[in-house]
Amino acid sequence: MTLTPIQRRRLQTFKRNRRGYWSLWIFLLLFTLSLFAEMIANDRPILISHQQQLYWPLVNDYTEADFGGEFALPADYRDPYLQEMVQSNDGWMIWPLIRFGYSTINYDLDQPAPSPPTGTNWLGTDDQGRDVLARVIYGFRISVLFALALTIASSIIGVCAGAIQGYYGGRIDLLFQRFIEIWSGLPVLFLLIILASLVQPNFWWLLGIMLLFSWMNLVDVVRAEFLRGRNLEYVRAAKALGLSDLRIMYRHVLPNAMIATLTFMPFVFNSAIVTLTALDFLGFGLPPGSPSLGELVAQGKENLHAPWLGITAFCSLAIMLTLLIFIGEAVRDAFDPRKV
């Protein structure tokens, strides 16, 4: 795809912001690694060789009998007895870097949970004996995927609403603005807590509930661009030629409005992560047991004698949100007409 001259200048402006440019690459690296969390932190081996056959525990479920055991029960790969059966026939196992999943309980702790960092649990364990590093990796992935889905969905709704308001104006704009003023005046966090307490929360329920309020973030920006753009000469010429309103909005006005939209999207993304973390911290977020950075923050508050929990939660959130802020600033500079 060939870039236009203005797109090349924007890309160069983005690259000149070294802080934002390198933050983007670091964030993409962390997110890519988290997508393969099952191969980094898991209580199942990646590959097993037993009696000249290969087994893939990450893909298929096996029983103890498949490896020479007596019972057809799900295989516990951390059991020394099962490991001995595999290795007794010149077999071997390839384990992930971290031999714990986000819900795996370490029953071999030498002190009560939460236990401090050791060579086995690099960031210690939480109050249930689960590996903190594994939960951070999985929690990071859930937070980013949730924020990404919420940002895309709310941006689509917000852009459509703002486009209709700004393009048509008049009574439609007036009624829409009054509705947004009332809707935005509601105590969002309290309503999210109430709605989350009425149903069993999960990823999609939380996404739908938060989407009820997050779509308003971009409406004002898009509305202002459409109010300005609808009276430009090329838009009026398109109307005179008989083009439909939808075609004019999509092809002639929306590209200009997307500049401001793309500038605000990293901050909307950041806000979505913070809101999910707050709900998880209060206990109204993802289902109990789910890997969550907010739940880790809550454990740090409840276990002040285990400072590694609070420090890990703080560092994880601080690094992630700081990277996103730096990326947002670089995107804003790239689309700033005074710097292009």
C-alpha atoms as a PDB file:
ATOM      1  CA  MET A   1       0.000   0.000   0.000  1.00  0.00           C
ATOM      2  CA  THR A   2       1.398   3.366  -1.053  1.00  0.00           C
ATOM      3  CA  LEU A   3       1.283   6.112   1.536  1.00  0.00           C
ATOM      4  CA  THR A   4       0.262   9.614   0.598  1.00  0.00           C
ATOM      5  CA  PRO A   5       2.698  12.462   1.329  1.00  0.00           C
ATOM      6  CA  ILE A   6       0.702  13.636   4.357  1.00  0.00           C
ATOM      7  CA  GLN A   7       0.554  10.069   5.714  1.00  0.00           C
ATOM      8  CA  ARG A   8       4.314   9.765   5.352  1.00  0.00           C
ATOM      9  CA  ARG A   9       4.790  13.041   7.215  1.00  0.00           C
ATOM     10  CA  ARG A  10       2.513  11.841  10.010  1.00  0.00           C
ATOM     11  CA  LEU A  11       4.456   8.589  10.251  1.00  0.00           C
ATOM     12  CA  GLN A  12       7.738  10.489  10.439  1.00  0.00           C
ATOM     13  CA  THR A  13       6.302  12.777  13.117  1.00  0.00           C
ATOM     14  CA  PHE A  14       5.235   9.720  15.115  1.00  0.00           C
ATOM     15  CA  LYS A  15       8.720   8.186  14.796  1.00  0.00           C
ATOM     16  CA  ARG A  16      10.370  11.426  15.913  1.00  0.00           C
ATOM     17  CA  ASN A  17       8.569  11.065  19.220  1.00  0.00           C
ATOM     18  CA  ARG A  18      11.021   8.459  20.476  1.00  0.00           C
ATOM     19  CA  ARG A  19       9.199   7.936  23.741  1.00  0.00           C
ATOM     20  CA  GLY A  20       5.912   7.088  22.027  1.00  0.00           C
ATOM     21  CA  TYR A  21       7.573   5.121  19.217  1.00  0.00           C
ATOM     22  CA  TRP A  22       9.472   2.798  21.546  1.00  0.00           C
ATOM     23  CA  SER A  23       6.475   2.554  23.883  1.00  0.00           C
ATOM     24  CA  LEU A  24       4.443   1.202  20.964  1.00  0.00           C
ATOM     25  CA  TRP A  25       7.011  -1.487  20.238  1.00  0.00           C
ATOM     26  CA  ILE A  26       7.342  -2.465  23.903  1.00  0.00           C
ATOM     27  CA  PHE A  27       3.573  -2.654  24.309  1.00  0.00           C
ATOM     28  CA  LEU A  28       3.187  -4.734  21.131  1.00  0.00           C
ATOM     29  CA  LEU A  29       5.926  -7.090  22.347  1.00  0.00           C
ATOM     30  CA  LEU A  30       4.246  -7.558  25.732  1.00  0.00           C
ATOM     31  CA  PHE A  31       0.833  -8.058  24.149  1.00  0.00           C
ATOM     32  CA  THR A  32       2.179 -10.560  21.607  1.00  0.00           C
ATOM     33  CA  LEU A  33       3.847 -12.561  24.366  1.00  0.00           C
ATOM     34  CA  SER A  34       0.619 -12.545  26.390  1.00  0.00           C
ATOM     35  CA  LEU A  35      -1.268 -14.013  23.414  1.00  0.00           C
ATOM     36  CA  PHE A  36       0.906 -17.116  23.849  1.00  0.00           C
ATOM     37  CA  ALA A  37       0.407 -17.208  27.616  1.00  0.00           C
ATOM     38  CA  GLU A  38      -0.493 -20.905  27.539  1.00  0.00           C
ATOM     39  CA  MET A  39       2.967 -21.667  26.171  1.00  0.00           C
ATOM     40  CA  ILE A  40       4.695 -19.438  28.722  1.00  0.00           C
ATOM     41  CA  ALA A  41       2.817 -20.242  31.937  1.00  0.00           C
ATOM     42  CA  ASN A  42       0.955 -23.526  32.220  1.00  0.00           C
ATOM     43  CA  ASP A  43       0.688 -26.561  34.450  1.00  0.00           C
ATOM     44  CA  ARG A  44       0.714 -28.780  31.375  1.00  0.00           C
ATOM     45  CA  PRO A  45       3.795 -29.637  29.315  1.00  0.00           C
ATOM     46  CA  ILE A  46       3.976 -28.323  25.784  1.00  0.00           C
ATOM     47  CA  LEU A  47       5.051 -31.677  24.376  1.00  0.00           C
ATOM     48  CA  ILE A  48       5.477 -35.196  25.794  1.00  0.00           C
ATOM     49  CA  SER A  49       7.297 -38.135  24.263  1.00  0.00           C
ATOM     50  CA  HIS A  50       6.181 -41.495  25.656  1.00  0.00           C
ATOM     51  CA  GLN A  51       6.820 -44.927  24.108  1.00  0.00           C
ATOM     52  CA  GLN A  52       7.812 -43.419  20.762  1.00  0.00           C
ATOM     53  CA  GLN A  53       4.611 -41.371  20.610  1.00  0.00           C
ATOM     54  CA  LEU A  54       4.161 -37.623  20.898  1.00  0.00           C
ATOM     55  CA  TYR A  55       1.458 -36.082  23.056  1.00  0.00           C
ATOM     56  CA  TRP A  56       0.279 -32.465  23.012  1.00  0.00           C
ATOM     57  CA  PRO A  57      -1.308 -31.717  26.398  1.00  0.00           C
ATOM     58  CA  LEU A  58      -1.953 -28.074  25.456  1.00  0.00           C
ATOM     59  CA  VAL A  59      -4.251 -29.215  22.661  1.00  0.00           C
ATOM     60  CA  ASN A  60      -5.677 -32.528  23.842  1.00  0.00           C
ATOM     61  CA  ASP A  61      -6.778 -33.942  27.180  1.00  0.00           C
ATOM     62  CA  TYR A  62      -5.142 -37.166  28.282  1.00  0.00           C
ATOM     63  CA  THR A  63      -5.716 -39.534  31.176  1.00  0.00           C
ATOM     64  CA  GLU A  64      -3.266 -41.165  33.514  1.00  0.00           C
ATOM     65  CA  ALA A  65      -3.911 -44.485  31.777  1.00  0.00           C
ATOM     66  CA  ASP A  66      -2.506 -43.076  28.521  1.00  0.00           C
ATOM     67  CA  PHE A  67       0.914 -42.930  30.178  1.00  0.00           C
ATOM     68  CA  GLY A  68       0.778 -46.338  31.856  1.00  0.00           C
ATOM     69  CA  GLY A  69      -1.250 -45.469  34.942  1.00  0.00           C
ATOM     70  CA  GLU A  70      -4.031 -47.533  36.453  1.00  0.00           C
ATOM     71  CA  PHE A  71      -6.874 -45.033  36.425  1.00  0.00           C
ATOM     72  CA  ALA A  72      -8.618 -43.249  33.558  1.00  0.00           C
ATOM     73  CA  LEU A  73      -8.518 -39.946  35.422  1.00  0.00           C
ATOM     74  CA  PRO A  74      -7.339 -36.637  33.970  1.00  0.00           C
ATOM     75  CA  ALA A  75      -3.556 -36.604  33.989  1.00  0.00           C
ATOM     76  CA  ASP A  76      -1.880 -34.473  36.639  1.00  0.00           C
ATOM     77  CA  TYR A  77       1.375 -33.616  34.900  1.00  0.00           C
ATOM     78  CA  ARG A  78       2.874 -32.066  38.036  1.00  0.00           C
ATOM     79  CA  ASP A  79       2.511 -35.381  39.894  1.00  0.00           C
ATOM     80  CA  PRO A  80       5.974 -36.959  40.392  1.00  0.00           C
ATOM     81  CA  TYR A  81       4.428 -40.408  39.881  1.00  0.00           C
ATOM     82  CA  LEU A  82       3.204 -39.481  36.385  1.00  0.00           C
ATOM     83  CA  GLN A  83       6.515 -37.841  35.505  1.00  0.00           C
ATOM     84  CA  GLU A  84       8.382 -40.958  36.584  1.00  0.00           C
ATOM     85  CA  MET A  85       6.146 -43.157  34.401  1.00  0.00           C
ATOM     86  CA  VAL A  86       6.844 -40.997  31.372  1.00  0.00           C
ATOM     87  CA  GLN A  87      10.609 -40.855  31.921  1.00  0.00           C
ATOM     88  CA  SER A  88      10.966 -44.564  32.773  1.00  0.00           C
ATOM     89  CA  ASN A  89      10.489 -45.479  29.092  1.00  0.00           C
ATOM     90  CA  ASP A  90      13.019 -43.001  27.705  1.00  0.00           C
ATOM     91  CA  GLY A  91      10.289 -40.415  27.540  1.00  0.00           C
ATOM     92  CA  TRP A  92      10.622 -36.693  28.113  1.00  0.00           C
ATOM     93  CA  MET A  93       8.571 -33.562  28.693  1.00  0.00           C
ATOM     94  CA  ILE A  94       9.004 -30.042  27.385  1.00  0.00           C
ATOM     95  CA  TRP A  95       7.598 -27.667  29.986  1.00  0.00           C
ATOM     96  CA  PRO A  96       6.674 -23.997  29.630  1.00  0.00           C
ATOM     97  CA  LEU A  97       8.975 -21.433  31.189  1.00  0.00           C
ATOM     98  CA  ILE A  98       6.583 -21.130  34.162  1.00  0.00           C
ATOM     99  CA  ARG A  99       5.092 -24.409  35.333  1.00  0.00           C
ATOM    100  CA  PHE A 100       1.914 -22.846  36.702  1.00  0.00           C
ATOM    101  CA  GLY A 101      -1.333 -21.774  35.108  1.00  0.00           C
ATOM    102  CA  TYR A 102      -3.297 -18.819  36.400  1.00  0.00           C
ATOM    103  CA  SER A 103      -5.432 -21.122  38.589  1.00  0.00           C
ATOM    104  CA  THR A 104      -2.762 -23.664  39.571  1.00  0.00           C
ATOM    105  CA  ILE A 105      -2.258 -23.948  43.317  1.00  0.00           C
ATOM    106  CA  ASN A 106       1.231 -24.718  44.533  1.00  0.00           C
ATOM    107  CA  TYR A 107       0.768 -27.321  47.273  1.00  0.00           C
ATOM    108  CA  ASP A 108       4.509 -27.609  47.882  1.00  0.00           C
ATOM    109  CA  LEU A 109       5.015 -24.234  49.552  1.00  0.00           C
ATOM    110  CA  ASP A 110       7.393 -24.210  52.484  1.00  0.00           C
ATOM    111  CA  GLN A 111       5.356 -21.513  54.248  1.00  0.00           C
ATOM    112  CA  PRO A 112       1.727 -20.400  54.353  1.00  0.00           C
ATOM    113  CA  ALA A 113       0.316 -18.503  51.394  1.00  0.00           C
ATOM    114  CA  PRO A 114       0.834 -15.803  50.332  1.00  0.00           C
ATOM    115  CA  SER A 115       4.465 -16.825  50.049  1.00  0.00           C
ATOM    116  CA  PRO A 116       7.313 -14.512  48.973  1.00  0.00           C
ATOM    117  CA  PRO A 117       9.165 -14.771  45.653  1.00  0.00           C
ATOM    118  CA  THR A 118      11.305 -17.875  45.238  1.00  0.00           C
ATOM    119  CA  GLY A 119      13.072 -19.696  42.447  1.00  0.00           C
ATOM    120  CA  THR A 120       9.849 -21.623  41.813  1.00  0.00           C
ATOM    121  CA  ASN A 121       7.389 -18.750  42.095  1.00  0.00           C
ATOM    122  CA  TRP A 122       9.339 -15.767  40.765  1.00  0.00           C
ATOM    123  CA  LEU A 123       6.866 -13.148  42.016  1.00  0.00           C
ATOM    124  CA  GLY A 124       5.558 -15.195  44.924  1.00  0.00           C
ATOM    125  CA  THR A 125       2.062 -16.569  45.373  1.00  0.00           C
ATOM    126  CA  ASP A 126      -1.248 -14.977  46.301  1.00  0.00           C
ATOM    127  CA  ASP A 127      -3.356 -15.840  49.331  1.00  0.00           C
ATOM    128  CA  GLN A 128      -4.606 -19.005  47.625  1.00  0.00           C
ATOM    129  CA  GLY A 129      -1.169 -20.291  46.657  1.00  0.00           C
ATOM    130  CA  ARG A 130      -1.461 -19.372  42.959  1.00  0.00           C
ATOM    131  CA  ASP A 131       1.560 -18.118  41.050  1.00  0.00           C
ATOM    132  CA  VAL A 132       1.459 -14.318  40.811  1.00  0.00           C
ATOM    133  CA  LEU A 133       3.517 -14.034  37.618  1.00  0.00           C
ATOM    134  CA  ALA A 134       1.229 -16.448  35.765  1.00  0.00           C
ATOM    135  CA  ARG A 135      -1.825 -14.468  36.871  1.00  0.00           C
ATOM    136  CA  VAL A 136      -0.185 -11.210  35.770  1.00  0.00           C
ATOM    137  CA  ILE A 137       0.486 -12.591  32.284  1.00  0.00           C
ATOM    138  CA  TYR A 138      -3.052 -13.884  31.835  1.00  0.00           C
ATOM    139  CA  GLY A 139      -4.549 -10.803  33.492  1.00  0.00           C
ATOM    140  CA  PHE A 140      -2.617  -8.507  31.179  1.00  0.00           C
ATOM    141  CA  ARG A 141      -3.997 -10.363  28.160  1.00  0.00           C
ATOM    142  CA  ILE A 142      -7.587 -10.190  29.378  1.00  0.00           C
ATOM    143  CA  SER A 143      -7.281  -6.488  30.208  1.00  0.00           C
ATOM    144  CA  VAL A 144      -5.858  -5.579  26.791  1.00  0.00           C
ATOM    145  CA  LEU A 145      -8.334  -7.717  24.832  1.00  0.00           C
ATOM    146  CA  PHE A 146     -11.239  -6.331  26.847  1.00  0.00           C
ATOM    147  CA  ALA A 147     -10.089  -2.741  26.380  1.00  0.00           C
ATOM    148  CA  LEU A 148      -9.467  -3.321  22.675  1.00  0.00           C
ATOM    149  CA  ALA A 149     -12.947  -4.767  22.106  1.00  0.00           C
ATOM    150  CA  LEU A 150     -14.574  -2.000  24.151  1.00  0.00           C
ATOM    151  CA  THR A 151     -12.613   0.733  22.373  1.00  0.00           C
ATOM    152  CA  ILE A 152     -13.520  -0.545  18.904  1.00  0.00           C
ATOM    153  CA  ALA A 153     -17.205  -1.050  19.724  1.00  0.00           C
ATOM    154  CA  SER A 154     -17.615   2.264  21.554  1.00  0.00           C
ATOM    155  CA  SER A 155     -15.732   4.114  18.796  1.00  0.00           C
ATOM    156  CA  ILE A 156     -18.048   2.739  16.111  1.00  0.00           C
ATOM    157  CA  ILE A 157     -21.162   3.741  18.064  1.00  0.00           C
ATOM    158  CA  GLY A 158     -19.717   7.094  19.104  1.00  0.00           C
ATOM    159  CA  VAL A 159     -18.606   7.997  15.580  1.00  0.00           C
ATOM    160  CA  CYS A 160     -22.008   7.069  14.129  1.00  0.00           C
ATOM    161  CA  ALA A 161     -23.870   9.061  16.793  1.00  0.00           C
ATOM    162  CA  GLY A 162     -21.621  12.095  16.444  1.00  0.00           C
ATOM    163  CA  ALA A 163     -21.824  11.953  12.640  1.00  0.00           C
ATOM    164  CA  ILE A 164     -25.632  11.949  12.656  1.00  0.00           C
ATOM    165  CA  GLN A 165     -25.740  14.829  15.139  1.00  0.00           C
ATOM    166  CA  GLY A 166     -23.224  16.981  13.351  1.00  0.00           C
ATOM    167  CA  TYR A 167     -24.355  16.341   9.796  1.00  0.00           C
ATOM    168  CA  TYR A 168     -28.084  16.846  10.249  1.00  0.00           C
ATOM    169  CA  GLY A 169     -27.985  19.352  13.105  1.00  0.00           C
ATOM    170  CA  GLY A 170     -31.222  21.101  14.018  1.00  0.00           C
ATOM    171  CA  ARG A 171     -33.767  19.214  16.040  1.00  0.00           C
ATOM    172  CA  ILE A 172     -31.917  15.877  15.750  1.00  0.00           C
ATOM    173  CA  ASP A 173     -28.789  17.440  17.201  1.00  0.00           C
ATOM    174  CA  LEU A 174     -30.756  19.199  19.941  1.00  0.00           C
ATOM    175  CA  LEU A 175     -32.615  16.075  21.084  1.00  0.00           C
ATOM    176  CA  PHE A 176     -29.474  13.950  20.913  1.00  0.00           C
ATOM    177  CA  GLN A 177     -27.521  16.475  22.993  1.00  0.00           C
ATOM    178  CA  ARG A 178     -30.182  16.563  25.695  1.00  0.00           C
ATOM    179  CA  PHE A 179     -30.171  12.755  25.832  1.00  0.00           C
ATOM    180  CA  ILE A 180     -26.373  12.649  26.100  1.00  0.00           C
ATOM    181  CA  GLU A 181     -26.401  15.280  28.847  1.00  0.00           C
ATOM    182  CA  ILE A 182     -28.847  13.199  30.884  1.00  0.00           C
ATOM    183  CA  TRP A 183     -27.101   9.893  30.144  1.00  0.00           C
ATOM    184  CA  SER A 184     -23.634  11.248  30.913  1.00  0.00           C
ATOM    185  CA  GLY A 185     -24.884  12.749  34.188  1.00  0.00           C
ATOM    186  CA  LEU A 186     -25.644   9.320  35.611  1.00  0.00           C
ATOM    187  CA  PRO A 187     -23.169   7.925  38.175  1.00  0.00           C
ATOM    188  CA  VAL A 188     -21.500   5.490  35.820  1.00  0.00           C
ATOM    189  CA  LEU A 189     -19.461   3.467  38.312  1.00  0.00           C
ATOM    190  CA  PHE A 190     -22.413   2.982  40.655  1.00  0.00           C
ATOM    191  CA  LEU A 191     -24.647   1.883  37.785  1.00  0.00           C
ATOM    192  CA  LEU A 192     -21.985  -0.531  36.575  1.00  0.00           C
ATOM    193  CA  ILE A 193     -21.801  -2.026  40.063  1.00  0.00           C
ATOM    194  CA  ILE A 194     -25.594  -2.344  40.268  1.00  0.00           C
ATOM    195  CA  LEU A 195     -25.905  -3.923  36.824  1.00  0.00           C
ATOM    196  CA  ALA A 196     -22.971  -6.257  37.479  1.00  0.00           C
ATOM    197  CA  SER A 197     -24.584  -7.393  40.730  1.00  0.00           C
ATOM    198  CA  LEU A 198     -27.849  -8.315  38.962  1.00  0.00           C
ATOM    199  CA  VAL A 199     -26.235 -10.865  36.637  1.00  0.00           C
ATOM    200  CA  GLN A 200     -23.334 -13.262  36.853  1.00  0.00           C
ATOM    201  CA  PRO A 201     -20.580 -11.129  35.354  1.00  0.00           C
ATOM    202  CA  ASN A 202     -18.371 -12.474  32.597  1.00  0.00           C
ATOM    203  CA  PHE A 203     -16.283 -11.001  29.809  1.00  0.00           C
ATOM    204  CA  TRP A 204     -19.176 -10.339  27.421  1.00  0.00           C
ATOM    205  CA  TRP A 205     -21.619  -9.121  30.067  1.00  0.00           C
ATOM    206  CA  LEU A 206     -19.095  -6.597  31.339  1.00  0.00           C
ATOM    207  CA  LEU A 207     -18.319  -5.523  27.786  1.00  0.00           C
ATOM    208  CA  GLY A 208     -21.997  -4.882  27.068  1.00  0.00           C
ATOM    209  CA  ILE A 209     -22.614  -3.086  30.356  1.00  0.00           C
ATOM    210  CA  MET A 210     -19.618  -0.779  29.967  1.00  0.00           C
ATOM    211  CA  LEU A 211     -20.496  -0.139  26.321  1.00  0.00           C
ATOM    212  CA  LEU A 212     -23.732   1.501  27.508  1.00  0.00           C
ATOM    213  CA  PHE A 213     -21.684   4.459  28.754  1.00  0.00           C
ATOM    214  CA  SER A 214     -18.301   4.412  27.016  1.00  0.00           C
ATOM    215  CA  TRP A 215     -19.655   5.289  23.542  1.00  0.00           C
ATOM    216  CA  MET A 216     -20.099   8.938  24.593  1.00  0.00           C
ATOM    217  CA  ASN A 217     -16.360   9.607  24.782  1.00  0.00           C
ATOM    218  CA  LEU A 218     -15.986  10.401  21.084  1.00  0.00           C
ATOM    219  CA  VAL A 219     -19.399  11.861  20.271  1.00  0.00           C
ATOM    220  CA  ASP A 220     -18.516  15.493  20.973  1.00  0.00           C
ATOM    221  CA  VAL A 221     -15.319  15.378  18.924  1.00  0.00           C
ATOM    222  CA  VAL A 222     -16.961  13.768  15.882  1.00  0.00           C
ATOM    223  CA  ARG A 223     -20.014  16.026  16.160  1.00  0.00           C
ATOM    224  CA  ALA A 224     -17.823  19.130  16.091  1.00  0.00           C
ATOM    225  CA  GLU A 225     -15.970  17.910  12.993  1.00  0.00           C
ATOM    226  CA  PHE A 226     -19.210  17.147  11.153  1.00  0.00           C
ATOM    227  CA  LEU A 227     -20.735  20.502  12.142  1.00  0.00           C
ATOM    228  CA  ARG A 228     -17.688  22.196  10.630  1.00  0.00           C
ATOM    229  CA  GLY A 229     -17.408  19.964   7.599  1.00  0.00           C
ATOM    230  CA  ARG A 230     -21.022  19.878   6.460  1.00  0.00           C
ATOM    231  CA  ASN A 231     -20.834  23.502   5.219  1.00  0.00           C
ATOM    232  CA  LEU A 232     -17.566  23.154   3.326  1.00  0.00           C
ATOM    233  CA  GLU A 233     -17.741  23.817  -0.399  1.00  0.00           C
ATOM    234  CA  TYR A 234     -16.897  20.308  -1.562  1.00  0.00           C
ATOM    235  CA  VAL A 235     -19.623  18.859   0.679  1.00  0.00           C
ATOM    236  CA  ARG A 236     -22.175  21.321  -0.665  1.00  0.00           C
ATOM    237  CA  ALA A 237     -21.053  20.504  -4.213  1.00  0.00           C
ATOM    238  CA  ALA A 238     -21.552  16.786  -3.491  1.00  0.00           C
ATOM    239  CA  LYS A 239     -25.094  17.525  -2.302  1.00  0.00           C
ATOM    240  CA  ALA A 240     -25.768  19.524  -5.461  1.00  0.00           C
ATOM    241  CA  LEU A 241     -24.613  16.565  -7.566  1.00  0.00           C
ATOM    242  CA  GLY A 242     -27.242  14.403  -5.869  1.00  0.00           C
ATOM    243  CA  LEU A 243     -25.034  12.157  -3.744  1.00  0.00           C
ATOM    244  CA  SER A 244     -26.815  10.482  -0.840  1.00  0.00           C
ATOM    245  CA  ASP A 245     -26.275  11.714   2.704  1.00  0.00           C
ATOM    246  CA  LEU A 246     -24.696   8.399   3.703  1.00  0.00           C
ATOM    247  CA  ARG A 247     -22.200   8.561   0.854  1.00  0.00           C
ATOM    248  CA  ILE A 248     -21.274  12.166   1.630  1.00  0.00           C
ATOM    249  CA  MET A 249     -20.824  11.404   5.330  1.00  0.00           C
ATOM    250  CA  TYR A 250     -18.687   8.335   4.661  1.00  0.00           C
ATOM    251  CA  ARG A 251     -16.493   9.559   1.814  1.00  0.00           C
ATOM    252  CA  HIS A 252     -16.207  13.316   2.285  1.00  0.00           C
ATOM    253  CA  VAL A 253     -16.692  14.243   5.946  1.00  0.00           C
ATOM    254  CA  LEU A 254     -15.716  11.150   7.973  1.00  0.00           C
ATOM    255  CA  PRO A 255     -12.013  11.090   6.905  1.00  0.00           C
ATOM    256  CA  ASN A 256     -11.506  14.510   8.492  1.00  0.00           C
ATOM    257  CA  ALA A 257     -13.407  13.500  11.622  1.00  0.00           C
ATOM    258  CA  MET A 258     -11.295  10.358  12.000  1.00  0.00           C
ATOM    259  CA  ILE A 259      -8.193  12.455  12.673  1.00  0.00           C
ATOM    260  CA  ALA A 260      -9.581  13.638  16.008  1.00  0.00           C
ATOM    261  CA  THR A 261     -11.043  10.190  16.676  1.00  0.00           C
ATOM    262  CA  LEU A 262      -7.716   8.392  16.252  1.00  0.00           C
ATOM    263  CA  THR A 263      -6.089  10.973  18.510  1.00  0.00           C
ATOM    264  CA  PHE A 264      -8.479  10.183  21.362  1.00  0.00           C
ATOM    265  CA  MET A 265      -8.654   6.400  20.946  1.00  0.00           C
ATOM    266  CA  PRO A 266      -5.503   5.538  22.967  1.00  0.00           C
ATOM    267  CA  PHE A 267      -6.937   7.467  25.920  1.00  0.00           C
ATOM    268  CA  VAL A 268     -10.297   5.682  25.552  1.00  0.00           C
ATOM    269  CA  PHE A 269      -8.323   2.423  25.565  1.00  0.00           C
ATOM    270  CA  ASN A 270      -6.563   3.511  28.740  1.00  0.00           C
ATOM    271  CA  SER A 271      -9.848   4.425  30.411  1.00  0.00           C
ATOM    272  CA  ALA A 272     -11.342   1.013  29.600  1.00  0.00           C
ATOM    273  CA  ILE A 273      -8.459  -0.776  31.351  1.00  0.00           C
ATOM    274  CA  VAL A 274      -8.794   1.456  34.422  1.00  0.00           C
ATOM    275  CA  THR A 275     -12.568   0.873  34.637  1.00  0.00           C
ATOM    276  CA  LEU A 276     -12.206  -2.909  34.370  1.00  0.00           C
ATOM    277  CA  THR A 277      -9.483  -2.857  37.023  1.00  0.00           C
ATOM    278  CA  ALA A 278     -11.698  -0.782  39.332  1.00  0.00           C
ATOM    279  CA  LEU A 279     -14.632  -3.191  38.943  1.00  0.00           C
ATOM    280  CA  ASP A 280     -12.401  -6.196  39.608  1.00  0.00           C
ATOM    281  CA  PHE A 281     -10.937  -4.450  42.643  1.00  0.00           C
ATOM    282  CA  LEU A 282     -14.436  -3.871  44.037  1.00  0.00           C
ATOM    283  CA  GLY A 283     -15.460  -7.465  43.299  1.00  0.00           C
ATOM    284  CA  PHE A 284     -17.984  -6.663  40.553  1.00  0.00           C
ATOM    285  CA  GLY A 285     -15.831  -7.507  37.556  1.00  0.00           C
ATOM    286  CA  LEU A 286     -14.801 -10.811  36.039  1.00  0.00           C
ATOM    287  CA  PRO A 287     -15.986 -14.085  37.642  1.00  0.00           C
ATOM    288  CA  PRO A 288     -14.154 -15.212  40.796  1.00  0.00           C
ATOM    289  CA  GLY A 289     -10.919 -17.005  40.007  1.00  0.00           C
ATOM    290  CA  SER A 290     -10.361 -15.195  36.710  1.00  0.00           C
ATOM    291  CA  PRO A 291      -6.877 -13.733  36.248  1.00  0.00           C
ATOM    292  CA  SER A 292      -7.326 -10.042  36.906  1.00  0.00           C
ATOM    293  CA  LEU A 293      -5.039  -7.151  37.725  1.00  0.00           C
ATOM    294  CA  GLY A 294      -7.809  -5.542  39.772  1.00  0.00           C
ATOM    295  CA  GLU A 295      -8.177  -8.687  41.872  1.00  0.00           C
ATOM    296  CA  LEU A 296      -4.416  -8.621  42.435  1.00  0.00           C
ATOM    297  CA  VAL A 297      -4.697  -5.023  43.653  1.00  0.00           C
ATOM    298  CA  ALA A 298      -7.409  -6.114  46.076  1.00  0.00           C
ATOM    299  CA  GLN A 299      -5.192  -8.927  47.375  1.00  0.00           C
ATOM    300  CA  GLY A 300      -2.368  -6.445  47.885  1.00  0.00           C
ATOM    301  CA  LYS A 301      -4.695  -4.281  49.991  1.00  0.00           C
ATOM    302  CA  GLU A 302      -5.929  -7.207  52.054  1.00  0.00           C
ATOM    303  CA  ASN A 303      -2.450  -8.687  52.602  1.00  0.00           C
ATOM    304  CA  LEU A 304      -0.260  -5.786  53.642  1.00  0.00           C
ATOM    305  CA  HIS A 305       2.163  -8.272  55.173  1.00  0.00           C
ATOM    306  CA  ALA A 306       2.842  -9.538  51.623  1.00  0.00           C
ATOM    307  CA  PRO A 307       4.165  -6.404  49.898  1.00  0.00           C
ATOM    308  CA  TRP A 308       5.118  -8.276  46.710  1.00  0.00           C
ATOM    309  CA  LEU A 309       1.421  -8.485  45.817  1.00  0.00           C
ATOM    310  CA  GLY A 310       0.851  -4.737  45.939  1.00  0.00           C
ATOM    311  CA  ILE A 311       4.194  -3.946  44.297  1.00  0.00           C
ATOM    312  CA  THR A 312       3.525  -6.367  41.431  1.00  0.00           C
ATOM    313  CA  ALA A 313       0.035  -4.998  40.842  1.00  0.00           C
ATOM    314  CA  PHE A 314       1.271  -1.407  40.932  1.00  0.00           C
ATOM    315  CA  CYS A 315       4.192  -2.027  38.572  1.00  0.00           C
ATOM    316  CA  SER A 316       2.038  -3.984  36.102  1.00  0.00           C
ATOM    317  CA  LEU A 317      -0.621  -1.293  35.888  1.00  0.00           C
ATOM    318  CA  ALA A 318       1.852   1.583  35.958  1.00  0.00           C
ATOM    319  CA  ILE A 319       3.946   0.164  33.099  1.00  0.00           C
ATOM    320  CA  MET A 320       0.921  -0.695  30.965  1.00  0.00           C
ATOM    321  CA  LEU A 321      -0.879   2.627  31.443  1.00  0.00           C
ATOM    322  CA  THR A 322       2.313   4.662  31.034  1.00  0.00           C
ATOM    323  CA  LEU A 323       3.088   2.969  27.728  1.00  0.00           C
ATOM    324  CA  LEU A 324      -0.441   3.690  26.504  1.00  0.00           C
ATOM    325  CA  ILE A 325      -0.224   7.354  27.535  1.00  0.00           C
ATOM    326  CA  PHE A 326       3.090   7.764  25.705  1.00  0.00           C
ATOM    327  CA  ILE A 327       1.601   6.123  22.599  1.00  0.00           C
ATOM    328  CA  GLY A 328      -1.424   8.421  22.785  1.00  0.00           C
ATOM    329  CA  GLU A 329       0.771  11.501  23.023  1.00  0.00           C
ATOM    330  CA  ALA A 330       2.773  10.388  19.988  1.00  0.00           C
ATOM    331  CA  VAL A 331      -0.410   9.765  17.981  1.00  0.00           C
ATOM    332  CA  ARG A 332      -1.740  13.177  18.979  1.00  0.00           C
ATOM    333  CA  ASP A 333       1.481  14.841  17.808  1.00  0.00           C
ATOM    334  CA  ALA A 334       1.386  12.898  14.541  1.00  0.00           C
ATOM    335  CA  PHE A 335      -2.084  14.201  13.672  1.00  0.00           C
ATOM    336  CA  ASP A 336      -1.426  17.734  14.913  1.00  0.00           C
ATOM    337  CA  PRO A 337      -1.476  19.970  11.778  1.00  0.00           C
ATOM    338  CA  ARG A 338       1.025  22.312  13.390  1.00  0.00           C
ATOM    339  CA  LYS A 339       3.646  19.537  13.555  1.00  0.00           C
ATOM    340  CA  VAL A 340       3.013  17.798  10.226  1.00  0.00           C
END
